[in-house]
N, C-alpha and C. Protein backbone atom coordinates (compact mmCIF):
# COMPACT_ATOMS: atom_id res chain seq x y z
N THR A 1 -177.29 44.80 -44.10
CA THR A 1 -176.14 43.93 -43.85
C THR A 1 -175.00 44.74 -43.25
N VAL A 2 -174.15 44.03 -42.55
CA VAL A 2 -173.00 44.68 -41.91
C VAL A 2 -171.72 44.01 -42.39
N SER A 3 -170.78 44.82 -42.84
CA SER A 3 -169.44 44.34 -43.18
C SER A 3 -168.46 45.20 -42.41
N ILE A 4 -167.50 44.55 -41.75
CA ILE A 4 -166.54 45.27 -40.92
C ILE A 4 -165.12 44.83 -41.27
N GLY A 5 -164.25 45.80 -41.44
CA GLY A 5 -162.83 45.54 -41.65
C GLY A 5 -162.05 46.01 -40.44
N VAL A 6 -161.15 45.16 -39.95
CA VAL A 6 -160.40 45.46 -38.73
C VAL A 6 -158.90 45.38 -38.99
N SER A 7 -158.19 46.34 -38.46
CA SER A 7 -156.74 46.32 -38.44
C SER A 7 -156.30 46.73 -37.04
N THR A 8 -155.09 46.38 -36.66
CA THR A 8 -154.63 46.71 -35.31
C THR A 8 -153.31 47.49 -35.36
N TYR A 9 -153.13 48.30 -34.35
CA TYR A 9 -151.91 49.10 -34.18
C TYR A 9 -151.26 48.69 -32.87
N PRO A 10 -150.03 48.44 -32.81
CA PRO A 10 -149.00 48.50 -33.84
C PRO A 10 -148.68 47.13 -34.45
N GLU A 11 -149.47 46.10 -34.13
CA GLU A 11 -149.16 44.75 -34.61
C GLU A 11 -149.18 44.66 -36.14
N ILE A 12 -150.17 45.27 -36.78
CA ILE A 12 -150.30 45.19 -38.23
C ILE A 12 -149.89 46.50 -38.88
N ALA A 13 -150.44 47.58 -38.42
CA ALA A 13 -150.16 48.90 -38.99
C ALA A 13 -149.20 49.67 -38.09
N LYS A 14 -148.26 50.34 -38.71
CA LYS A 14 -147.27 51.11 -37.94
C LYS A 14 -147.58 52.60 -37.92
N THR A 15 -148.45 53.06 -38.82
CA THR A 15 -148.82 54.47 -38.88
C THR A 15 -150.34 54.60 -38.97
N LYS A 16 -150.83 55.81 -38.74
CA LYS A 16 -152.27 56.06 -38.85
C LYS A 16 -152.76 55.77 -40.26
N ASP A 17 -152.02 56.22 -41.27
CA ASP A 17 -152.44 55.99 -42.65
C ASP A 17 -152.47 54.50 -42.99
N GLU A 18 -151.48 53.77 -42.53
CA GLU A 18 -151.44 52.33 -42.77
C GLU A 18 -152.59 51.63 -42.04
N LEU A 19 -152.93 52.10 -40.87
CA LEU A 19 -154.06 51.54 -40.11
C LEU A 19 -155.36 51.67 -40.90
N PHE A 20 -155.62 52.87 -41.42
CA PHE A 20 -156.85 53.08 -42.19
C PHE A 20 -156.83 52.32 -43.51
N THR A 21 -155.67 52.24 -44.15
CA THR A 21 -155.56 51.53 -45.42
C THR A 21 -155.83 50.04 -45.24
N THR A 22 -155.22 49.43 -44.24
CA THR A 22 -155.42 47.99 -44.04
C THR A 22 -156.83 47.68 -43.54
N ALA A 23 -157.42 48.54 -42.74
CA ALA A 23 -158.81 48.34 -42.32
C ALA A 23 -159.74 48.45 -43.52
N ASP A 24 -159.45 49.37 -44.43
CA ASP A 24 -160.25 49.53 -45.64
C ASP A 24 -160.13 48.30 -46.54
N LYS A 25 -158.93 47.76 -46.68
CA LYS A 25 -158.73 46.54 -47.46
C LYS A 25 -159.52 45.38 -46.86
N ALA A 26 -159.51 45.28 -45.53
CA ALA A 26 -160.27 44.22 -44.86
C ALA A 26 -161.76 44.40 -45.08
N LEU A 27 -162.24 45.64 -45.06
CA LEU A 27 -163.66 45.91 -45.30
C LEU A 27 -164.06 45.45 -46.69
N TYR A 28 -163.27 45.78 -47.71
CA TYR A 28 -163.61 45.37 -49.07
C TYR A 28 -163.51 43.86 -49.24
N LYS A 29 -162.61 43.21 -48.52
CA LYS A 29 -162.52 41.74 -48.56
C LYS A 29 -163.79 41.13 -47.97
N ALA A 30 -164.32 41.72 -46.90
CA ALA A 30 -165.58 41.25 -46.31
C ALA A 30 -166.72 41.40 -47.30
N LYS A 31 -166.77 42.52 -48.01
CA LYS A 31 -167.83 42.74 -49.01
C LYS A 31 -167.70 41.75 -50.16
N GLU A 32 -166.48 41.46 -50.60
CA GLU A 32 -166.25 40.50 -51.69
C GLU A 32 -166.70 39.10 -51.31
N ASN A 33 -166.60 38.75 -50.03
CA ASN A 33 -166.89 37.40 -49.58
C ASN A 33 -168.32 37.21 -49.10
N GLY A 34 -169.23 38.07 -49.51
CA GLY A 34 -170.64 37.83 -49.25
C GLY A 34 -171.29 38.72 -48.23
N ARG A 35 -170.57 39.67 -47.68
CA ARG A 35 -171.12 40.61 -46.71
C ARG A 35 -171.46 39.90 -45.40
N ASN A 36 -171.97 40.68 -44.43
CA ASN A 36 -172.28 40.14 -43.09
C ASN A 36 -171.08 39.43 -42.47
N LEU A 37 -169.89 40.00 -42.68
CA LEU A 37 -168.66 39.41 -42.16
C LEU A 37 -167.83 40.45 -41.42
N VAL A 38 -167.00 39.95 -40.52
CA VAL A 38 -165.96 40.76 -39.90
C VAL A 38 -164.63 40.15 -40.33
N ILE A 39 -163.78 40.96 -40.96
CA ILE A 39 -162.48 40.47 -41.43
C ILE A 39 -161.37 41.20 -40.68
N LEU A 40 -160.45 40.44 -40.10
CA LEU A 40 -159.27 40.99 -39.45
C LEU A 40 -158.12 40.91 -40.44
N TRP A 41 -157.55 42.06 -40.80
CA TRP A 41 -156.45 42.09 -41.76
C TRP A 41 -155.20 41.51 -41.13
N LYS A 42 -154.51 40.64 -41.88
CA LYS A 42 -153.25 40.07 -41.42
C LYS A 42 -152.21 40.28 -42.51
N ASN A 43 -151.04 40.76 -42.14
CA ASN A 43 -149.94 40.87 -43.09
C ASN A 43 -149.35 39.49 -43.31
N GLU A 44 -149.15 39.17 -44.56
CA GLU A 44 -148.59 37.84 -44.86
C GLU A 44 -147.36 37.95 -45.70
């Protein structure tokens, strides 16, 4: 199975660390929701 977490710079993340952190959060959200998903992180 494939799970992918996506974040974008500079729209969502302002630094390299924030980019990796938000992409990692999106990845774990994809895994929580059944895997085989691509999740784009959005700040709300």
